[in-house]
Amino acid sequence: MSRAAIRYAKAVLSSASDKGAVEAVYHDMRAVVATLSSSKELRIALKSPVIKGDDKREALHQVFSGANEETLKIIDVLVANKRAYILDKVAESYIKMYNESQGMVVAQVTTAVELNKKLEDKVLAKVTEITKSKKAKLEHTIDPAILGGFILRIGDVQYDASIASQLYKVEQKLSKSV
């Protein structure tokens, strides 16, 4: 995360806290991340120096029309400061800060196929054991490129037990021996 995104996220969290809107803004920020990650066109528009700030602001207000007042304020501030392109990073920082304030540990697990409930519960139990946190949740991503196994990320720590990673290691050993 950029320092600017973290500073903006802290300001939003503080303002939302003062207004009793921390949870509502959290849900808005999750929507912002989901929307921006799925819309390449919107990300490009936010980065474009050709598109006027007013047009960016109007588009974002339309896309997030049901958002909390605090969310719309940060959009306005970012656009006014010509930093609309970091909106996704601000939202990610806010989500991280919110989770930390709630004592929530979020682990990202990537698999080649969908996890069944039993396996998901096992992974969640392991995350809870590793972090010693009572509140833990999984964010699951499917990436067929890993072929099998899984990649588990908790904070800055990553455990890669994917088949693709293991094949890469074998390939590296073979190329060194040739």
Protein backbone atom coordinates (compact mmCIF):
# COMPACT_ATOMS: atom_id res chain seq x y z
CA MET A 1 0.00 0.00 0.00
CA SER A 2 1.15 3.50 -0.70
CA ARG A 3 1.61 5.87 2.19
CA ALA A 4 -0.92 8.22 0.65
CA ALA A 5 -3.57 5.48 0.48
CA ILE A 6 -2.94 4.60 4.13
CA ARG A 7 -3.21 8.25 5.20
CA TYR A 8 -6.50 8.69 3.34
CA ALA A 9 -7.83 5.44 4.79
CA LYS A 10 -6.91 6.54 8.33
CA ALA A 11 -8.71 9.84 7.76
CA VAL A 12 -11.82 8.06 6.48
CA LEU A 13 -11.76 5.62 9.41
CA SER A 14 -11.45 8.49 11.88
CA SER A 15 -14.25 10.48 10.26
CA ALA A 16 -16.49 7.41 9.95
CA SER A 17 -15.83 6.61 13.60
CA ASP A 18 -16.88 10.11 14.64
CA LYS A 19 -20.10 9.73 12.65
CA GLY A 20 -20.81 6.14 13.78
CA ALA A 21 -20.51 4.90 10.21
CA VAL A 22 -17.46 2.63 10.46
CA GLU A 23 -19.33 -0.54 9.51
CA ALA A 24 -21.31 1.10 6.69
CA VAL A 25 -18.12 2.52 5.18
CA TYR A 26 -16.48 -0.91 5.54
CA HIS A 27 -19.21 -2.43 3.38
CA ASP A 28 -18.85 0.44 0.90
CA MET A 29 -15.10 -0.10 0.71
CA ARG A 30 -15.60 -3.80 0.02
CA ALA A 31 -17.93 -2.78 -2.83
CA VAL A 32 -15.33 -0.30 -4.11
CA VAL A 33 -12.64 -3.00 -4.20
CA ALA A 34 -14.95 -5.49 -5.89
CA THR A 35 -16.17 -2.96 -8.45
CA LEU A 36 -12.74 -1.60 -9.35
CA SER A 37 -11.15 -5.03 -9.55
CA SER A 38 -13.85 -6.20 -11.97
CA SER A 39 -13.96 -3.07 -14.15
CA LYS A 40 -10.82 -2.43 -16.16
CA GLU A 41 -12.56 0.46 -17.93
CA LEU A 42 -13.29 2.27 -14.66
CA ARG A 43 -9.69 1.81 -13.46
CA ILE A 44 -8.40 3.22 -16.76
CA ALA A 45 -10.81 6.16 -16.56
CA LEU A 46 -9.64 7.01 -13.02
CA LYS A 47 -6.01 7.05 -14.18
CA SER A 48 -6.67 9.04 -17.34
CA PRO A 49 -5.36 12.62 -17.32
CA VAL A 50 -7.71 13.37 -20.25
CA ILE A 51 -10.91 12.77 -18.28
CA LYS A 52 -11.88 15.80 -16.20
CA GLY A 53 -12.12 15.49 -12.42
CA ASP A 54 -15.80 16.46 -12.46
CA ASP A 55 -16.52 13.62 -14.88
CA LYS A 56 -14.62 11.15 -12.69
CA ARG A 57 -16.49 12.36 -9.62
CA GLU A 58 -19.85 12.12 -11.37
CA ALA A 59 -19.11 8.60 -12.64
CA LEU A 60 -18.00 7.41 -9.20
CA HIS A 61 -21.06 8.96 -7.55
CA GLN A 62 -23.29 7.13 -10.03
CA VAL A 63 -21.48 3.81 -9.59
CA PHE A 64 -21.59 4.11 -5.79
CA SER A 65 -24.90 5.95 -5.54
CA GLY A 66 -26.05 4.01 -2.46
CA ALA A 67 -22.80 4.61 -0.57
CA ASN A 68 -22.49 6.27 2.81
CA GLU A 69 -21.82 10.01 2.94
CA GLU A 70 -18.29 9.37 4.28
CA THR A 71 -17.48 7.15 1.31
CA LEU A 72 -18.71 9.79 -1.13
CA LYS A 73 -16.63 12.42 0.71
CA ILE A 74 -13.41 10.45 0.26
CA ILE A 75 -14.22 10.03 -3.41
CA ASP A 76 -14.64 13.82 -3.68
CA VAL A 77 -11.37 14.47 -1.83
CA LEU A 78 -9.42 12.01 -3.98
CA VAL A 79 -10.81 13.51 -7.18
CA ALA A 80 -10.13 17.08 -5.98
CA ASN A 81 -6.54 16.12 -5.13
CA LYS A 82 -6.12 14.36 -8.50
CA ARG A 83 -5.69 11.00 -6.77
CA ALA A 84 -8.83 9.16 -7.86
CA TYR A 85 -6.57 6.44 -9.26
CA ILE A 86 -5.67 5.30 -5.70
CA LEU A 87 -9.30 4.80 -4.63
CA ASP A 88 -8.89 1.00 -4.70
CA LYS A 89 -5.76 1.19 -2.52
CA VAL A 90 -7.52 3.51 -0.06
CA ALA A 91 -10.42 1.05 0.12
CA GLU A 92 -8.05 -1.91 0.66
CA SER A 93 -6.23 0.01 3.41
CA TYR A 94 -9.52 0.90 5.08
CA ILE A 95 -10.64 -2.74 5.01
CA LYS A 96 -7.35 -3.86 6.53
CA MET A 97 -7.55 -1.23 9.28
CA TYR A 98 -11.17 -2.11 9.99
CA ASN A 99 -10.35 -5.81 10.28
CA GLU A 100 -7.43 -5.07 12.61
CA SER A 101 -9.62 -2.85 14.78
CA GLN A 102 -12.13 -5.70 15.06
CA GLY A 103 -9.40 -8.25 15.89
CA MET A 104 -10.17 -10.01 12.61
CA VAL A 105 -7.48 -11.98 10.80
CA VAL A 106 -8.11 -12.39 7.10
CA ALA A 107 -6.33 -15.18 5.28
CA GLN A 108 -6.30 -15.48 1.52
CA VAL A 109 -6.35 -19.02 0.17
CA THR A 110 -5.86 -19.73 -3.51
CA THR A 111 -6.74 -23.10 -4.97
CA ALA A 112 -7.13 -24.54 -8.44
CA VAL A 113 -10.73 -25.57 -7.74
CA GLU A 114 -13.57 -24.57 -5.44
CA LEU A 115 -13.11 -25.55 -1.77
CA ASN A 116 -15.80 -27.74 -0.25
CA LYS A 117 -17.18 -26.76 3.18
CA LYS A 118 -15.22 -29.45 5.04
CA LEU A 119 -11.89 -28.38 3.55
CA GLU A 120 -12.69 -24.71 4.05
CA ASP A 121 -13.40 -25.39 7.74
CA LYS A 122 -10.06 -27.23 8.08
CA VAL A 123 -8.14 -24.34 6.52
CA LEU A 124 -9.98 -21.85 8.73
CA ALA A 125 -9.19 -23.93 11.83
CA LYS A 126 -5.50 -23.97 10.85
CA VAL A 127 -5.51 -20.19 10.34
CA THR A 128 -7.12 -19.76 13.77
CA GLU A 129 -4.49 -22.05 15.31
CA ILE A 130 -1.57 -20.26 13.61
CA THR A 131 -2.75 -16.73 14.41
CA LYS A 132 -4.31 -17.51 17.80
CA SER A 133 -7.15 -15.22 16.76
CA LYS A 134 -10.74 -15.92 17.76
CA LYS A 135 -11.94 -14.05 14.69
CA ALA A 136 -10.58 -15.35 11.42
CA LYS A 137 -12.06 -15.49 7.97
CA LEU A 138 -11.02 -16.82 4.59
CA GLU A 139 -11.04 -15.06 1.28
CA HIS A 140 -10.95 -17.71 -1.41
CA THR A 141 -9.60 -17.26 -4.92
CA ILE A 142 -9.63 -19.83 -7.68
CA ASP A 143 -6.60 -19.88 -9.96
CA PRO A 144 -6.37 -22.90 -12.27
CA ALA A 145 -2.75 -21.95 -13.07
CA ILE A 146 -1.57 -23.36 -9.74
CA LEU A 147 -2.72 -26.79 -11.01
CA GLY A 148 -3.43 -28.20 -7.54
CA GLY A 149 -2.58 -27.74 -3.89
CA PHE A 150 -3.01 -24.29 -2.39
CA ILE A 151 -1.39 -20.97 -1.57
CA LEU A 152 -2.20 -19.55 1.86
CA ARG A 153 -1.41 -15.94 2.74
CA ILE A 154 -1.87 -14.54 6.24
CA GLY A 155 -0.71 -10.94 6.43
CA ASP A 156 2.81 -10.79 5.00
CA VAL A 157 3.44 -14.54 5.35
CA GLN A 158 2.76 -16.84 2.44
CA TYR A 159 2.84 -20.64 2.36
CA ASP A 160 2.95 -21.97 -1.19
CA ALA A 161 1.98 -25.64 -1.46
CA SER A 162 0.85 -25.43 -5.07
CA ILE A 163 1.79 -28.01 -7.65
CA ALA A 164 2.90 -25.24 -10.02
CA SER A 165 5.38 -24.02 -7.40
CA GLN A 166 6.70 -27.52 -6.79
CA LEU A 167 7.13 -28.10 -10.53
CA TYR A 168 8.99 -24.80 -10.83
CA LYS A 169 11.40 -25.86 -8.05
CA VAL A 170 12.04 -29.20 -9.80
CA GLU A 171 12.63 -27.35 -13.08
CA GLN A 172 15.15 -25.04 -11.38
CA LYS A 173 17.06 -28.00 -9.87
CA LEU A 174 17.16 -29.76 -13.23
CA SER A 175 18.39 -26.68 -15.08
CA LYS A 176 21.20 -26.19 -12.53
CA SER A 177 22.37 -29.78 -12.91
CA VAL A 178 22.54 -29.60 -16.72
